[in-house]
Amino acid sequence: MGRVYDVAGLAEHWACGTDTIYSLIRGGELQAFKLGGKLIRIRAEEVERFECRTITPSNDTEASLPSYGSRTANATDIRLERLTVRPPKQRQGASGKAAMSGGR
């Protein structure tokens, strides 16, 4: 028999709460069994099956590559844009509060 997870151990492994694990079991998305009539356990094979089913494909697949000639923004481009494109500052009125436009 291979590795077996308890609910708390699987929640720690997936960095989620035990409520999430119980919900997946109740919803039939994750198969579990009872040990001794009360203790809930999940087989490692079931954990792997669930992970393979729910994990999105990696970004190194050909389908995820940009088409020839297209340009995608990288993190540096985005940071530079945030630094260089700033929203206009609001003018301060005589009271020290931001001036409102609209003729009032």
PDB file of N, CA and C in Angstrom:
ATOM      1  N   MET A   1       0.852  -1.184   0.000  1.00  0.00           N
ATOM      2  CA  MET A   1       0.000   0.000   0.000  1.00  0.00           C
ATOM      3  C   MET A   1       0.889   1.236   0.000  1.00  0.00           C
ATOM      4  N   GLY A   2       0.561   2.221  -0.825  1.00  0.00           N
ATOM      5  CA  GLY A   2       1.350   3.443  -0.941  1.00  0.00           C
ATOM      6  C   GLY A   2       1.027   4.448   0.152  1.00  0.00           C
ATOM      7  N   ARG A   3       1.542   5.634  -0.046  1.00  0.00           N
ATOM      8  CA  ARG A   3       1.337   6.716   0.908  1.00  0.00           C
ATOM      9  C   ARG A   3      -0.141   7.078   1.017  1.00  0.00           C
ATOM     10  N   VAL A   4      -0.530   7.459   2.235  1.00  0.00           N
ATOM     11  CA  VAL A   4      -1.908   7.855   2.502  1.00  0.00           C
ATOM     12  C   VAL A   4      -1.881   9.172   3.253  1.00  0.00           C
ATOM     13  N   TYR A   5      -2.747  10.102   2.863  1.00  0.00           N
ATOM     14  CA  TYR A   5      -2.853  11.401   3.520  1.00  0.00           C
ATOM     15  C   TYR A   5      -4.059  11.436   4.437  1.00  0.00           C
ATOM     16  N   ASP A   6      -3.929  12.111   5.565  1.00  0.00           N
ATOM     17  CA  ASP A   6      -5.118  12.457   6.324  1.00  0.00           C
ATOM     18  C   ASP A   6      -5.549  13.850   5.834  1.00  0.00           C
ATOM     19  N   VAL A   7      -6.718  14.312   6.252  1.00  0.00           N
ATOM     20  CA  VAL A   7      -7.255  15.571   5.742  1.00  0.00           C
ATOM     21  C   VAL A   7      -6.332  16.741   6.078  1.00  0.00           C
ATOM     22  N   ALA A   8      -5.851  16.795   7.308  1.00  0.00           N
ATOM     23  CA  ALA A   8      -4.973  17.903   7.719  1.00  0.00           C
ATOM     24  C   ALA A   8      -3.650  17.866   6.954  1.00  0.00           C
ATOM     25  N   GLY A   9      -3.106  16.683   6.744  1.00  0.00           N
ATOM     26  CA  GLY A   9      -1.840  16.556   6.021  1.00  0.00           C
ATOM     27  C   GLY A   9      -1.971  16.971   4.563  1.00  0.00           C
ATOM     28  N   LEU A  10      -3.086  16.609   3.942  1.00  0.00           N
ATOM     29  CA  LEU A  10      -3.301  16.994   2.547  1.00  0.00           C
ATOM     30  C   LEU A  10      -3.547  18.505   2.445  1.00  0.00           C
ATOM     31  N   ALA A  11      -4.262  19.050   3.408  1.00  0.00           N
ATOM     32  CA  ALA A  11      -4.494  20.497   3.420  1.00  0.00           C
ATOM     33  C   ALA A  11      -3.169  21.246   3.542  1.00  0.00           C
ATOM     34  N   GLU A  12      -2.275  20.744   4.366  1.00  0.00           N
ATOM     35  CA  GLU A  12      -0.948  21.355   4.494  1.00  0.00           C
ATOM     36  C   GLU A  12      -0.150  21.201   3.202  1.00  0.00           C
ATOM     37  N   HIS A  13      -0.232  20.020   2.596  1.00  0.00           N
ATOM     38  CA  HIS A  13       0.475  19.754   1.334  1.00  0.00           C
ATOM     39  C   HIS A  13       0.011  20.704   0.232  1.00  0.00           C
ATOM     40  N   TRP A  14      -1.290  20.979   0.176  1.00  0.00           N
ATOM     41  CA  TRP A  14      -1.847  21.856  -0.846  1.00  0.00           C
ATOM     42  C   TRP A  14      -1.930  23.310  -0.385  1.00  0.00           C
ATOM     43  N   ALA A  15      -1.511  23.600   0.834  1.00  0.00           N
ATOM     44  CA  ALA A  15      -1.564  24.957   1.390  1.00  0.00           C
ATOM     45  C   ALA A  15      -2.978  25.519   1.319  1.00  0.00           C
ATOM     46  N   CYS A  16      -3.918  24.737   1.814  1.00  0.00           N
ATOM     47  CA  CYS A  16      -5.303  25.188   1.869  1.00  0.00           C
ATOM     48  C   CYS A  16      -5.879  24.765   3.218  1.00  0.00           C
ATOM     49  N   GLY A  17      -7.129  25.051   3.438  1.00  0.00           N
ATOM     50  CA  GLY A  17      -7.772  24.683   4.691  1.00  0.00           C
ATOM     51  C   GLY A  17      -8.376  23.296   4.624  1.00  0.00           C
ATOM     52  N   THR A  18      -8.611  22.716   5.783  1.00  0.00           N
ATOM     53  CA  THR A  18      -9.235  21.394   5.831  1.00  0.00           C
ATOM     54  C   THR A  18     -10.651  21.439   5.274  1.00  0.00           C
ATOM     55  N   ASP A  19     -11.332  22.591   5.413  1.00  0.00           N
ATOM     56  CA  ASP A  19     -12.686  22.725   4.862  1.00  0.00           C
ATOM     57  C   ASP A  19     -12.682  22.496   3.349  1.00  0.00           C
ATOM     58  N   THR A  20     -11.622  22.953   2.681  1.00  0.00           N
ATOM     59  CA  THR A  20     -11.512  22.759   1.233  1.00  0.00           C
ATOM     60  C   THR A  20     -11.424  21.280   0.902  1.00  0.00           C
ATOM     61  N   ILE A  21     -10.636  20.551   1.672  1.00  0.00           N
ATOM     62  CA  ILE A  21     -10.477  19.105   1.431  1.00  0.00           C
ATOM     63  C   ILE A  21     -11.808  18.393   1.662  1.00  0.00           C
ATOM     64  N   TYR A  22     -12.466  18.701   2.785  1.00  0.00           N
ATOM     65  CA  TYR A  22     -13.769  18.083   3.064  1.00  0.00           C
ATOM     66  C   TYR A  22     -14.780  18.398   1.971  1.00  0.00           C
ATOM     67  N   SER A  23     -14.763  19.616   1.462  1.00  0.00           N
ATOM     68  CA  SER A  23     -15.677  20.020   0.400  1.00  0.00           C
ATOM     69  C   SER A  23     -15.424  19.230  -0.887  1.00  0.00           C
ATOM     70  N   LEU A  24     -14.151  19.037  -1.232  1.00  0.00           N
ATOM     71  CA  LEU A  24     -13.813  18.244  -2.420  1.00  0.00           C
ATOM     72  C   LEU A  24     -14.270  16.797  -2.267  1.00  0.00           C
ATOM     73  N   ILE A  25     -14.140  16.258  -1.069  1.00  0.00           N
ATOM     74  CA  ILE A  25     -14.567  14.880  -0.811  1.00  0.00           C
ATOM     75  C   ILE A  25     -16.086  14.784  -0.897  1.00  0.00           C
ATOM     76  N   ARG A  26     -16.785  15.715  -0.231  1.00  0.00           N
ATOM     77  CA  ARG A  26     -18.259  15.694  -0.266  1.00  0.00           C
ATOM     78  C   ARG A  26     -18.793  15.872  -1.687  1.00  0.00           C
ATOM     79  N   GLY A  27     -18.112  16.690  -2.474  1.00  0.00           N
ATOM     80  CA  GLY A  27     -18.539  16.939  -3.847  1.00  0.00           C
ATOM     81  C   GLY A  27     -18.175  15.833  -4.821  1.00  0.00           C
ATOM     82  N   GLY A  28     -17.450  14.836  -4.357  1.00  0.00           N
ATOM     83  CA  GLY A  28     -17.080  13.716  -5.215  1.00  0.00           C
ATOM     84  C   GLY A  28     -15.894  13.996  -6.121  1.00  0.00           C
ATOM     85  N   GLU A  29     -15.242  15.147  -5.940  1.00  0.00           N
ATOM     86  CA  GLU A  29     -14.089  15.478  -6.779  1.00  0.00           C
ATOM     87  C   GLU A  29     -12.815  14.797  -6.301  1.00  0.00           C
ATOM     88  N   LEU A  30     -12.784  14.423  -5.041  1.00  0.00           N
ATOM     89  CA  LEU A  30     -11.624  13.769  -4.444  1.00  0.00           C
ATOM     90  C   LEU A  30     -12.116  12.531  -3.708  1.00  0.00           C
ATOM     91  N   GLN A  31     -11.599  11.384  -4.087  1.00  0.00           N
ATOM     92  CA  GLN A  31     -12.034  10.125  -3.487  1.00  0.00           C
ATOM     93  C   GLN A  31     -11.273   9.876  -2.188  1.00  0.00           C
ATOM     94  N   ALA A  32     -11.994   9.491  -1.161  1.00  0.00           N
ATOM     95  CA  ALA A  32     -11.399   9.208   0.149  1.00  0.00           C
ATOM     96  C   ALA A  32     -12.023   7.931   0.699  1.00  0.00           C
ATOM     97  N   PHE A  33     -11.430   7.408   1.752  1.00  0.00           N
ATOM     98  CA  PHE A  33     -11.998   6.244   2.420  1.00  0.00           C
ATOM     99  C   PHE A  33     -11.893   6.446   3.930  1.00  0.00           C
ATOM    100  N   LYS A  34     -12.726   5.708   4.647  1.00  0.00           N
ATOM    101  CA  LYS A  34     -12.713   5.800   6.102  1.00  0.00           C
ATOM    102  C   LYS A  34     -11.888   4.660   6.665  1.00  0.00           C
ATOM    103  N   LEU A  35     -11.057   5.006   7.622  1.00  0.00           N
ATOM    104  CA  LEU A  35     -10.210   4.034   8.291  1.00  0.00           C
ATOM    105  C   LEU A  35     -10.738   3.871   9.709  1.00  0.00           C
ATOM    106  N   GLY A  36     -11.114   2.652  10.073  1.00  0.00           N
ATOM    107  CA  GLY A  36     -11.664   2.423  11.400  1.00  0.00           C
ATOM    108  C   GLY A  36     -13.052   3.004  11.566  1.00  0.00           C
ATOM    109  N   GLY A  37     -13.732   3.261  10.466  1.00  0.00           N
ATOM    110  CA  GLY A  37     -15.100   3.752  10.532  1.00  0.00           C
ATOM    111  C   GLY A  37     -15.236   5.255  10.675  1.00  0.00           C
ATOM    112  N   LYS A  38     -14.142   5.967  11.063  1.00  0.00           N
ATOM    113  CA  LYS A  38     -14.279   7.399  11.309  1.00  0.00           C
ATOM    114  C   LYS A  38     -13.176   8.250  10.682  1.00  0.00           C
ATOM    115  N   LEU A  39     -11.972   7.757  10.661  1.00  0.00           N
ATOM    116  CA  LEU A  39     -10.846   8.542  10.166  1.00  0.00           C
ATOM    117  C   LEU A  39     -10.859   8.576   8.641  1.00  0.00           C
ATOM    118  N   ILE A  40     -10.804   9.767   8.070  1.00  0.00           N
ATOM    119  CA  ILE A  40     -10.830   9.916   6.614  1.00  0.00           C
ATOM    120  C   ILE A  40      -9.411   9.961   6.093  1.00  0.00           C
ATOM    121  N   ARG A  41      -9.145   9.163   5.056  1.00  0.00           N
ATOM    122  CA  ARG A  41      -7.822   9.088   4.444  1.00  0.00           C
ATOM    123  C   ARG A  41      -7.951   9.187   2.933  1.00  0.00           C
ATOM    124  N   ILE A  42      -6.909   9.726   2.298  1.00  0.00           N
ATOM    125  CA  ILE A  42      -6.879   9.882   0.848  1.00  0.00           C
ATOM    126  C   ILE A  42      -5.595   9.247   0.343  1.00  0.00           C
ATOM    127  N   ARG A  43      -5.709   8.354  -0.621  1.00  0.00           N
ATOM    128  CA  ARG A  43      -4.533   7.690  -1.184  1.00  0.00           C
ATOM    129  C   ARG A  43      -3.718   8.673  -2.028  1.00  0.00           C
ATOM    130  N   ALA A  44      -2.405   8.496  -2.025  1.00  0.00           N
ATOM    131  CA  ALA A  44      -1.503   9.356  -2.798  1.00  0.00           C
ATOM    132  C   ALA A  44      -1.831   9.300  -4.286  1.00  0.00           C
ATOM    133  N   GLU A  45      -2.245   8.133  -4.772  1.00  0.00           N
ATOM    134  CA  GLU A  45      -2.613   8.001  -6.178  1.00  0.00           C
ATOM    135  C   GLU A  45      -3.798   8.896  -6.515  1.00  0.00           C
ATOM    136  N   GLU A  46      -4.735   9.007  -5.582  1.00  0.00           N
ATOM    137  CA  GLU A  46      -5.900   9.866  -5.780  1.00  0.00           C
ATOM    138  C   GLU A  46      -5.495  11.336  -5.767  1.00  0.00           C
ATOM    139  N   VAL A  47      -4.560  11.681  -4.886  1.00  0.00           N
ATOM    140  CA  VAL A  47      -4.055  13.053  -4.832  1.00  0.00           C
ATOM    141  C   VAL A  47      -3.382  13.402  -6.154  1.00  0.00           C
ATOM    142  N   GLU A  48      -2.568  12.491  -6.671  1.00  0.00           N
ATOM    143  CA  GLU A  48      -1.891  12.720  -7.946  1.00  0.00           C
ATOM    144  C   GLU A  48      -2.891  12.835  -9.095  1.00  0.00           C
ATOM    145  N   ARG A  49      -3.906  11.981  -9.096  1.00  0.00           N
ATOM    146  CA  ARG A  49      -4.940  12.049 -10.135  1.00  0.00           C
ATOM    147  C   ARG A  49      -5.633  13.407 -10.107  1.00  0.00           C
ATOM    148  N   PHE A  50      -5.976  13.871  -8.915  1.00  0.00           N
ATOM    149  CA  PHE A  50      -6.655  15.160  -8.774  1.00  0.00           C
ATOM    150  C   PHE A  50      -5.748  16.298  -9.227  1.00  0.00           C
ATOM    151  N   GLU A  51      -4.486  16.254  -8.811  1.00  0.00           N
ATOM    152  CA  GLU A  51      -3.544  17.305  -9.197  1.00  0.00           C
ATOM    153  C   GLU A  51      -3.349  17.356 -10.714  1.00  0.00           C
ATOM    154  N   CYS A  52      -3.218  16.198 -11.330  1.00  0.00           N
ATOM    155  CA  CYS A  52      -3.027  16.158 -12.786  1.00  0.00           C
ATOM    156  C   CYS A  52      -4.254  16.666 -13.522  1.00  0.00           C
ATOM    157  N   ARG A  53      -5.407  16.446 -12.972  1.00  0.00           N
ATOM    158  CA  ARG A  53      -6.652  16.877 -13.600  1.00  0.00           C
ATOM    159  C   ARG A  53      -6.866  18.380 -13.458  1.00  0.00           C
ATOM    160  N   THR A  54      -6.403  18.967 -12.364  1.00  0.00           N
ATOM    161  CA  THR A  54      -6.726  20.362 -12.081  1.00  0.00           C
ATOM    162  C   THR A  54      -5.609  21.346 -12.380  1.00  0.00           C
ATOM    163  N   ILE A  55      -4.378  20.873 -12.544  1.00  0.00           N
ATOM    164  CA  ILE A  55      -3.264  21.778 -12.810  1.00  0.00           C
ATOM    165  C   ILE A  55      -3.304  22.194 -14.271  1.00  0.00           C
ATOM    166  N   THR A  56      -3.144  23.492 -14.520  1.00  0.00           N
ATOM    167  CA  THR A  56      -3.153  24.003 -15.887  1.00  0.00           C
ATOM    168  C   THR A  56      -1.840  23.666 -16.565  1.00  0.00           C
ATOM    169  N   PRO A  57      -1.829  23.575 -17.885  1.00  0.00           N
ATOM    170  CA  PRO A  57      -0.594  23.263 -18.600  1.00  0.00           C
ATOM    171  C   PRO A  57       0.469  24.324 -18.347  1.00  0.00           C
ATOM    172  N   SER A  58       1.717  23.924 -18.428  1.00  0.00           N
ATOM    173  CA  SER A  58       2.808  24.863 -18.190  1.00  0.00           C
ATOM    174  C   SER A  58       2.918  25.849 -19.331  1.00  0.00           C
ATOM    175  N   ASN A  59       3.611  26.932 -19.106  1.00  0.00           N
ATOM    176  CA  ASN A  59       3.754  27.986 -20.102  1.00  0.00           C
ATOM    177  C   ASN A  59       4.792  27.666 -21.168  1.00  0.00           C
ATOM    178  N   ASP A  60       5.424  26.512 -21.096  1.00  0.00           N
ATOM    179  CA  ASP A  60       6.451  26.220 -22.086  1.00  0.00           C
ATOM    180  C   ASP A  60       5.908  25.415 -23.269  1.00  0.00           C
ATOM    181  N   THR A  61       4.598  25.315 -23.385  1.00  0.00           N
ATOM    182  CA  THR A  61       4.035  24.605 -24.520  1.00  0.00           C
ATOM    183  C   THR A  61       3.990  25.513 -25.737  1.00  0.00           C
ATOM    184  N   GLU A  62       3.974  24.918 -26.893  1.00  0.00           N
ATOM    185  CA  GLU A  62       3.977  25.689 -28.136  1.00  0.00           C
ATOM    186  C   GLU A  62       2.733  26.563 -28.252  1.00  0.00           C
ATOM    187  N   ALA A  63       1.608  26.080 -27.749  1.00  0.00           N
ATOM    188  CA  ALA A  63       0.364  26.844 -27.852  1.00  0.00           C
ATOM    189  C   ALA A  63       0.418  28.140 -27.055  1.00  0.00           C
ATOM    190  N   SER A  64       1.248  28.197 -26.024  1.00  0.00           N
ATOM    191  CA  SER A  64       1.289  29.396 -25.198  1.00  0.00           C
ATOM    192  C   SER A  64       2.285  30.425 -25.715  1.00  0.00           C
ATOM    193  N   LEU A  65       3.047  30.074 -26.752  1.00  0.00           N
ATOM    194  CA  LEU A  65       4.029  31.008 -27.287  1.00  0.00           C
ATOM    195  C   LEU A  65       3.342  32.095 -28.096  1.00  0.00           C
ATOM    196  N   PRO A  66       3.852  33.333 -28.015  1.00  0.00           N
ATOM    197  CA  PRO A  66       3.243  34.393 -28.811  1.00  0.00           C
ATOM    198  C   PRO A  66       3.489  34.147 -30.293  1.00  0.00           C
ATOM    199  N   SER A  67       2.591  34.643 -31.131  1.00  0.00           N
ATOM    200  CA  SER A  67       2.765  34.469 -32.566  1.00  0.00           C
ATOM    201  C   SER A  67       3.931  35.328 -33.039  1.00  0.00           C
ATOM    202  N   TYR A  68       4.472  34.963 -34.182  1.00  0.00           N
ATOM    203  CA  TYR A  68       5.632  35.659 -34.713  1.00  0.00           C
ATOM    204  C   TYR A  68       5.293  37.129 -34.930  1.00  0.00           C
ATOM    205  N   GLY A  69       6.156  38.003 -34.450  1.00  0.00           N
ATOM    206  CA  GLY A  69       5.972  39.434 -34.646  1.00  0.00           C
ATOM    207  C   GLY A  69       5.161  40.113 -33.562  1.00  0.00           C
ATOM    208  N   SER A  70       4.512  39.372 -32.694  1.00  0.00           N
ATOM    209  CA  SER A  70       3.752  40.024 -31.633  1.00  0.00           C
ATOM    210  C   SER A  70       4.666  40.307 -30.454  1.00  0.00           C
ATOM    211  N   ARG A  71       4.338  41.320 -29.699  1.00  0.00           N
ATOM    212  CA  ARG A  71       5.153  41.700 -28.549  1.00  0.00           C
ATOM    213  C   ARG A  71       4.302  41.580 -27.301  1.00  0.00           C
ATOM    214  N   THR A  72       4.833  40.912 -26.297  1.00  0.00           N
ATOM    215  CA  THR A  72       4.120  40.816 -25.035  1.00  0.00           C
ATOM    216  C   THR A  72       4.879  41.621 -24.000  1.00  0.00           C
ATOM    217  N   ALA A  73       4.140  42.232 -23.098  1.00  0.00           N
ATOM    218  CA  ALA A  73       4.761  43.028 -22.041  1.00  0.00           C
ATOM    219  C   ALA A  73       5.360  42.094 -21.007  1.00  0.00           C
ATOM    220  N   ASN A  74       6.576  42.414 -20.579  1.00  0.00           N
ATOM    221  CA  ASN A  74       7.161  41.632 -19.499  1.00  0.00           C
ATOM    222  C   ASN A  74       7.068  42.449 -18.210  1.00  0.00           C
ATOM    223  N   ALA A  75       7.514  41.885 -17.123  1.00  0.00           N
ATOM    224  CA  ALA A  75       7.388  42.549 -15.824  1.00  0.00           C
ATOM    225  C   ALA A  75       8.120  43.882 -15.792  1.00  0.00           C
ATOM    226  N   THR A  76       9.271  43.973 -16.440  1.00  0.00           N
ATOM    227  CA  THR A  76      10.027  45.234 -16.459  1.00  0.00           C
ATOM    228  C   THR A  76       9.257  46.303 -17.211  1.00  0.00           C
ATOM    229  N   ASP A  77       8.664  45.942 -18.352  1.00  0.00           N
ATOM    230  CA  ASP A  77       7.865  46.900 -19.109  1.00  0.00           C
ATOM    231  C   ASP A  77       6.706  47.435 -18.271  1.00  0.00           C
ATOM    232  N   ILE A  78       6.054  46.543 -17.559  1.00  0.00           N
ATOM    233  CA  ILE A  78       4.905  46.946 -16.747  1.00  0.00           C
ATOM    234  C   ILE A  78       5.344  47.881 -15.634  1.00  0.00           C
ATOM    235  N   ARG A  79       6.457  47.566 -14.955  1.00  0.00           N
ATOM    236  CA  ARG A  79       6.943  48.440 -13.881  1.00  0.00           C
ATOM    237  C   ARG A  79       7.330  49.801 -14.425  1.00  0.00           C
ATOM    238  N   LEU A  80       8.018  49.818 -15.566  1.00  0.00           N
ATOM    239  CA  LEU A  80       8.414  51.094 -16.158  1.00  0.00           C
ATOM    240  C   LEU A  80       7.195  51.923 -16.528  1.00  0.00           C
ATOM    241  N   GLU A  81       6.176  51.278 -17.067  1.00  0.00           N
ATOM    242  CA  GLU A  81       4.965  52.008 -17.432  1.00  0.00           C
ATOM    243  C   GLU A  81       4.311  52.605 -16.189  1.00  0.00           C
ATOM    244  N   ARG A  82       4.271  51.863 -15.116  1.00  0.00           N
ATOM    245  CA  ARG A  82       3.689  52.385 -13.874  1.00  0.00           C
ATOM    246  C   ARG A  82       4.476  53.568 -13.345  1.00  0.00           C
ATOM    247  N   LEU A  83       5.790  53.531 -13.518  1.00  0.00           N
ATOM    248  CA  LEU A  83       6.626  54.625 -13.019  1.00  0.00           C
ATOM    249  C   LEU A  83       6.518  55.871 -13.892  1.00  0.00           C
ATOM    250  N   THR A  84       6.346  55.691 -15.192  1.00  0.00           N
ATOM    251  CA  THR A  84       6.353  56.840 -16.091  1.00  0.00           C
ATOM    252  C   THR A  84       4.969  57.396 -16.370  1.00  0.00           C
ATOM    253  N   VAL A  85       3.945  56.599 -16.280  1.00  0.00           N
ATOM    254  CA  VAL A  85       2.588  57.073 -16.524  1.00  0.00           C
ATOM    255  C   VAL A  85       1.915  57.261 -15.177  1.00  0.00           C
ATOM    256  N   ARG A  86       1.828  58.510 -14.762  1.00  0.00           N
ATOM    257  CA  ARG A  86       1.226  58.805 -13.459  1.00  0.00           C
ATOM    258  C   ARG A  86      -0.095  59.542 -13.667  1.00  0.00           C
ATOM    259  N   PRO A  87      -1.064  59.285 -12.809  1.00  0.00           N
ATOM    260  CA  PRO A  87      -2.323  60.011 -12.921  1.00  0.00           C
ATOM    261  C   PRO A  87      -2.093  61.486 -12.568  1.00  0.00           C
ATOM    262  N   PRO A  88      -2.867  62.403 -13.183  1.00  0.00           N
ATOM    263  CA  PRO A  88      -2.683  63.821 -12.868  1.00  0.00           C
ATOM    264  C   PRO A  88      -2.990  64.090 -11.403  1.00  0.00           C
ATOM    265  N   LYS A  89      -2.204  64.969 -10.802  1.00  0.00           N
ATOM    266  CA  LYS A  89      -2.413  65.318  -9.399  1.00  0.00           C
ATOM    267  C   LYS A  89      -3.609  66.247  -9.287  1.00  0.00           C
ATOM    268  N   GLN A  90      -4.350  66.105  -8.201  1.00  0.00           N
ATOM    269  CA  GLN A  90      -5.474  67.004  -7.965  1.00  0.00           C
ATOM    270  C   GLN A  90      -4.952  68.319  -7.410  1.00  0.00           C
ATOM    271  N   ARG A  91      -5.562  69.409  -7.854  1.00  0.00           N
ATOM    272  CA  ARG A  91      -5.168  70.723  -7.347  1.00  0.00           C
ATOM    273  C   ARG A  91      -5.746  70.903  -5.966  1.00  0.00           C
ATOM    274  N   GLN A  92      -4.996  71.551  -5.112  1.00  0.00           N
ATOM    275  CA  GLN A  92      -5.452  71.843  -3.764  1.00  0.00           C
ATOM    276  C   GLN A  92      -6.183  73.187  -3.758  1.00  0.00           C
ATOM    277  N   GLY A  93      -7.355  73.225  -3.157  1.00  0.00           N
ATOM    278  CA  GLY A  93      -8.113  74.464  -3.024  1.00  0.00           C
ATOM    279  C   GLY A  93      -7.623  75.267  -1.832  1.00  0.00           C
ATOM    280  N   ALA A  94      -8.241  76.402  -1.557  1.00  0.00           N
ATOM    281  CA  ALA A  94      -7.849  77.282  -0.460  1.00  0.00           C
ATOM    282  C   ALA A  94      -8.001  76.594   0.895  1.00  0.00           C
ATOM    283  N   SER A  95      -8.960  75.670   1.023  1.00  0.00           N
ATOM    284  CA  SER A  95      -9.178  74.993   2.297  1.00  0.00           C
ATOM    285  C   SER A  95      -8.214  73.834   2.517  1.00  0.00           C
ATOM    286  N   GLY A  96      -7.384  73.533   1.504  1.00  0.00           N
ATOM    287  CA  GLY A  96      -6.446  72.410   1.629  1.00  0.00           C
ATOM    288  C   GLY A  96      -7.019  71.111   1.111  1.00  0.00           C
ATOM    289  N   LYS A  97      -8.300  71.121   0.727  1.00  0.00           N
ATOM    290  CA  LYS A  97      -8.926  69.919   0.170  1.00  0.00           C
ATOM    291  C   LYS A  97      -8.818  69.958  -1.333  1.00  0.00           C
ATOM    292  N   ALA A  98      -8.930  68.798  -1.945  1.00  0.00           N
ATOM    293  CA  ALA A  98      -8.838  68.720  -3.410  1.00  0.00           C
ATOM    294  C   ALA A  98      -9.955  69.532  -4.031  1.00  0.00           C
ATOM    295  N   ALA A  99      -9.629  70.311  -5.035  1.00  0.00           N
ATOM    296  CA  ALA A  99     -10.601  71.166  -5.716  1.00  0.00           C
ATOM    297  C   ALA A  99     -11.527  70.284  -6.545  1.00  0.00           C
ATOM    298  N   MET A 100     -12.801  70.570  -6.524  1.00  0.00           N
ATOM    299  CA  MET A 100     -13.786  69.817  -7.272  1.00  0.00           C
ATOM    300  C   MET A 100     -14.132  70.585  -8.536  1.00  0.00           C
ATOM    301  N   SER A 101     -14.203  69.909  -9.637  1.00  0.00           N
ATOM    302  CA  SER A 101     -14.648  70.573 -10.859  1.00  0.00           C
ATOM    303  C   SER A 101     -16.112  70.273 -11.034  1.00  0.00           C
ATOM    304  N   GLY A 102     -16.827  71.170 -11.632  1.00  0.00           N
ATOM    305  CA  GLY A 102     -18.244  70.920 -11.852  1.00  0.00           C
ATOM    306  C   GLY A 102     -19.084  72.139 -11.580  1.00  0.00           C
ATOM    307  N   GLY A 103     -18.502  73.286 -11.272  1.00  0.00           N
ATOM    308  CA  GLY A 103     -19.245  74.513 -11.162  1.00  0.00           C
ATOM    309  C   GLY A 103     -20.033  74.701  -9.887  1.00  0.00           C
ATOM    310  N   ARG A 104     -19.682  74.106  -8.828  1.00  0.00           N
ATOM    311  CA  ARG A 104     -20.407  74.319  -7.564  1.00  0.00           C
ATOM    312  C   ARG A 104     -19.735  75.315  -6.698  1.00  0.00           C
TER     313      ARG A 104
END
